[in-house]
Amino acid sequence: MGKIILRLDRMMADRKMSLNDLAEKVGVTNVNLSKMKNGRISAIRFSTLEAICDALSCQPGDILEYDPSAEGGGEEAAES
């Protein structure tokens, strides 16, 4: 089974946006956004994904990537 990989860190770097700035714009805590950025989540609400895409002016596919050859499947993309 493949794995969903979060590329939030790359998108934040491309947009020169800090974790604190993005957390404020999205309305989530720094802790939850940090977990998301580091791929330590298992689900994400569409409303949160929409807010992230709005704040970063990007598409969900810019943040989420599917790797069919990767091992794992429990620590993909989530929110506490």
N, C-alpha and C. Protein backbone atom coordinates (compact mmCIF):
# COMPACT_ATOMS: atom_id res chain seq x y z
N MET A 1 0.84 -1.19 0.00
CA MET A 1 0.00 0.00 0.00
C MET A 1 0.88 1.24 0.00
N GLY A 2 0.51 2.22 -0.77
CA GLY A 2 1.27 3.45 -0.87
C GLY A 2 1.07 4.37 0.32
N LYS A 3 1.55 5.58 0.19
CA LYS A 3 1.51 6.54 1.29
C LYS A 3 1.29 7.95 0.76
N ILE A 4 0.48 8.71 1.48
CA ILE A 4 0.30 10.13 1.18
C ILE A 4 1.42 10.90 1.86
N ILE A 5 2.09 11.75 1.11
CA ILE A 5 3.19 12.54 1.63
C ILE A 5 2.77 14.00 1.63
N LEU A 6 2.96 14.67 2.74
CA LEU A 6 2.63 16.09 2.86
C LEU A 6 3.82 16.93 2.44
N ARG A 7 3.57 17.90 1.60
CA ARG A 7 4.60 18.81 1.10
C ARG A 7 4.35 20.24 1.59
N LEU A 8 3.73 20.35 2.76
CA LEU A 8 3.40 21.66 3.30
C LEU A 8 4.65 22.48 3.56
N ASP A 9 5.72 21.85 4.06
CA ASP A 9 6.95 22.58 4.34
C ASP A 9 7.53 23.21 3.07
N ARG A 10 7.47 22.48 1.98
CA ARG A 10 7.99 23.00 0.71
C ARG A 10 7.15 24.19 0.22
N MET A 11 5.84 24.07 0.33
CA MET A 11 4.96 25.14 -0.12
C MET A 11 5.13 26.39 0.76
N MET A 12 5.28 26.19 2.06
CA MET A 12 5.51 27.32 2.96
C MET A 12 6.82 28.02 2.61
N ALA A 13 7.86 27.25 2.33
CA ALA A 13 9.16 27.83 1.95
C ALA A 13 9.04 28.60 0.64
N ASP A 14 8.33 28.02 -0.33
CA ASP A 14 8.14 28.69 -1.62
C ASP A 14 7.42 30.03 -1.45
N ARG A 15 6.49 30.08 -0.51
CA ARG A 15 5.70 31.30 -0.27
C ARG A 15 6.32 32.20 0.80
N LYS A 16 7.47 31.74 1.35
CA LYS A 16 8.16 32.49 2.41
C LYS A 16 7.21 32.83 3.57
N MET A 17 6.46 31.82 4.00
CA MET A 17 5.50 31.99 5.08
C MET A 17 5.93 31.16 6.28
N SER A 18 5.92 31.77 7.44
CA SER A 18 6.31 31.07 8.66
C SER A 18 5.15 30.22 9.18
N LEU A 19 5.50 29.30 10.06
CA LEU A 19 4.51 28.45 10.70
C LEU A 19 3.50 29.30 11.48
N ASN A 20 4.00 30.29 12.21
CA ASN A 20 3.11 31.16 12.98
C ASN A 20 2.15 31.93 12.10
N ASP A 21 2.66 32.48 11.00
CA ASP A 21 1.80 33.24 10.07
C ASP A 21 0.72 32.35 9.47
N LEU A 22 1.11 31.16 9.03
CA LEU A 22 0.14 30.26 8.41
C LEU A 22 -0.89 29.79 9.44
N ALA A 23 -0.44 29.46 10.63
CA ALA A 23 -1.36 29.01 11.68
C ALA A 23 -2.41 30.09 11.97
N GLU A 24 -1.97 31.33 12.02
CA GLU A 24 -2.90 32.44 12.28
C GLU A 24 -3.91 32.61 11.14
N LYS A 25 -3.43 32.52 9.90
CA LYS A 25 -4.31 32.69 8.75
C LYS A 25 -5.31 31.54 8.61
N VAL A 26 -4.87 30.32 8.97
CA VAL A 26 -5.70 29.14 8.81
C VAL A 26 -6.64 28.94 9.99
N GLY A 27 -6.21 29.40 11.16
CA GLY A 27 -7.04 29.24 12.35
C GLY A 27 -6.83 27.92 13.06
N VAL A 28 -5.62 27.38 12.99
CA VAL A 28 -5.26 26.17 13.73
C VAL A 28 -4.09 26.51 14.63
N THR A 29 -3.86 25.66 15.63
CA THR A 29 -2.75 25.91 16.54
C THR A 29 -1.41 25.63 15.86
N ASN A 30 -0.37 26.26 16.38
CA ASN A 30 0.97 26.00 15.86
C ASN A 30 1.34 24.53 15.99
N VAL A 31 0.92 23.91 17.10
CA VAL A 31 1.24 22.50 17.35
C VAL A 31 0.61 21.62 16.28
N ASN A 32 -0.67 21.82 15.98
CA ASN A 32 -1.33 21.01 14.96
C ASN A 32 -0.75 21.26 13.57
N LEU A 33 -0.45 22.50 13.27
CA LEU A 33 0.14 22.81 11.97
C LEU A 33 1.55 22.22 11.86
N SER A 34 2.29 22.23 12.95
CA SER A 34 3.63 21.63 12.96
C SER A 34 3.54 20.13 12.71
N LYS A 35 2.57 19.46 13.34
CA LYS A 35 2.37 18.03 13.10
C LYS A 35 2.05 17.78 11.63
N MET A 36 1.23 18.64 11.07
CA MET A 36 0.86 18.51 9.68
C MET A 36 2.09 18.72 8.79
N LYS A 37 2.85 19.74 9.10
CA LYS A 37 4.05 20.07 8.32
C LYS A 37 5.05 18.93 8.33
N ASN A 38 5.14 18.24 9.46
CA ASN A 38 6.11 17.15 9.60
C ASN A 38 5.54 15.78 9.28
N GLY A 39 4.29 15.74 8.80
CA GLY A 39 3.69 14.49 8.36
C GLY A 39 3.28 13.55 9.48
N ARG A 40 3.05 14.08 10.66
CA ARG A 40 2.68 13.24 11.81
C ARG A 40 1.18 13.31 12.07
N ILE A 41 0.39 13.21 11.03
CA ILE A 41 -1.06 13.24 11.15
C ILE A 41 -1.65 12.09 10.34
N SER A 42 -2.91 11.77 10.58
CA SER A 42 -3.54 10.68 9.83
C SER A 42 -4.80 11.11 9.09
N ALA A 43 -5.23 12.35 9.28
CA ALA A 43 -6.41 12.86 8.58
C ALA A 43 -6.35 14.39 8.57
N ILE A 44 -7.10 14.98 7.65
CA ILE A 44 -7.19 16.44 7.60
C ILE A 44 -8.61 16.80 7.16
N ARG A 45 -9.17 17.78 7.80
CA ARG A 45 -10.51 18.24 7.42
C ARG A 45 -10.40 19.03 6.12
N PHE A 46 -11.42 18.86 5.28
CA PHE A 46 -11.45 19.63 4.04
C PHE A 46 -11.43 21.12 4.32
N SER A 47 -12.11 21.54 5.37
CA SER A 47 -12.14 22.98 5.68
C SER A 47 -10.75 23.49 6.02
N THR A 48 -9.94 22.67 6.69
CA THR A 48 -8.57 23.06 7.00
C THR A 48 -7.73 23.09 5.74
N LEU A 49 -7.89 22.08 4.90
CA LEU A 49 -7.16 22.02 3.63
C LEU A 49 -7.52 23.22 2.75
N GLU A 50 -8.80 23.56 2.72
CA GLU A 50 -9.24 24.74 1.95
C GLU A 50 -8.60 26.01 2.49
N ALA A 51 -8.55 26.16 3.82
CA ALA A 51 -7.96 27.35 4.42
C ALA A 51 -6.46 27.43 4.14
N ILE A 52 -5.78 26.29 4.16
CA ILE A 52 -4.35 26.27 3.86
C ILE A 52 -4.12 26.66 2.41
N CYS A 53 -4.91 26.08 1.50
CA CYS A 53 -4.78 26.41 0.08
C CYS A 53 -5.06 27.89 -0.17
N ASP A 54 -6.05 28.43 0.52
CA ASP A 54 -6.37 29.85 0.38
C ASP A 54 -5.20 30.71 0.87
N ALA A 55 -4.66 30.39 2.04
CA ALA A 55 -3.57 31.17 2.62
C ALA A 55 -2.29 31.09 1.79
N LEU A 56 -2.05 29.93 1.17
CA LEU A 56 -0.83 29.74 0.38
C LEU A 56 -1.03 29.94 -1.11
N SER A 57 -2.26 30.27 -1.51
CA SER A 57 -2.59 30.44 -2.94
C SER A 57 -2.10 29.24 -3.75
N CYS A 58 -2.58 28.05 -3.35
CA CYS A 58 -2.16 26.84 -4.03
C CYS A 58 -3.32 25.87 -4.16
N GLN A 59 -3.08 24.75 -4.77
CA GLN A 59 -4.05 23.68 -4.96
C GLN A 59 -3.72 22.54 -3.98
N PRO A 60 -4.70 21.71 -3.61
CA PRO A 60 -4.42 20.58 -2.72
C PRO A 60 -3.29 19.68 -3.23
N GLY A 61 -3.20 19.52 -4.54
CA GLY A 61 -2.14 18.70 -5.13
C GLY A 61 -0.76 19.28 -4.95
N ASP A 62 -0.67 20.56 -4.62
CA ASP A 62 0.63 21.18 -4.34
C ASP A 62 1.13 20.78 -2.95
N ILE A 63 0.21 20.35 -2.09
CA ILE A 63 0.54 20.01 -0.71
C ILE A 63 0.56 18.50 -0.49
N LEU A 64 -0.34 17.78 -1.15
CA LEU A 64 -0.46 16.34 -0.97
C LEU A 64 0.08 15.60 -2.18
N GLU A 65 0.85 14.53 -1.91
CA GLU A 65 1.42 13.71 -2.97
C GLU A 65 1.24 12.25 -2.60
N TYR A 66 0.88 11.43 -3.57
CA TYR A 66 0.72 10.00 -3.33
C TYR A 66 1.91 9.26 -3.91
N ASP A 67 2.56 8.44 -3.06
CA ASP A 67 3.68 7.62 -3.50
C ASP A 67 3.25 6.15 -3.40
N PRO A 68 2.90 5.54 -4.52
CA PRO A 68 2.41 4.16 -4.49
C PRO A 68 3.46 3.15 -4.06
N SER A 69 4.73 3.50 -4.16
CA SER A 69 5.79 2.55 -3.80
C SER A 69 6.24 2.67 -2.35
N ALA A 70 5.78 3.72 -1.65
CA ALA A 70 6.19 3.93 -0.25
C ALA A 70 5.46 2.98 0.67
N GLU A 71 6.16 2.58 1.72
CA GLU A 71 5.55 1.75 2.77
C GLU A 71 4.84 2.64 3.76
N GLY A 72 3.84 2.12 4.38
CA GLY A 72 3.12 2.87 5.41
C GLY A 72 1.74 3.21 4.95
N GLY A 73 1.00 3.78 5.86
CA GLY A 73 -0.34 4.15 5.51
C GLY A 73 -1.13 4.61 6.72
N GLY A 74 -0.48 4.81 7.86
CA GLY A 74 -1.20 5.26 9.04
C GLY A 74 -0.83 6.67 9.42
N GLU A 75 0.26 7.16 8.93
CA GLU A 75 0.73 8.49 9.31
C GLU A 75 0.73 9.42 8.10
N GLU A 76 -0.33 9.42 7.35
CA GLU A 76 -0.36 10.22 6.13
C GLU A 76 -0.69 11.67 6.38
N ALA A 77 -1.95 12.01 6.36
CA ALA A 77 -2.34 13.41 6.38
C ALA A 77 -3.50 13.66 7.32
N ALA A 78 -3.27 14.18 8.51
CA ALA A 78 -4.37 14.34 9.47
C ALA A 78 -4.30 15.60 10.28
N GLU A 79 -5.26 15.73 11.12
CA GLU A 79 -5.35 16.90 11.98
C GLU A 79 -5.92 16.46 13.30
N SER A 80 -5.38 16.98 14.36
CA SER A 80 -5.89 16.63 15.69
C SER A 80 -7.12 17.42 16.01
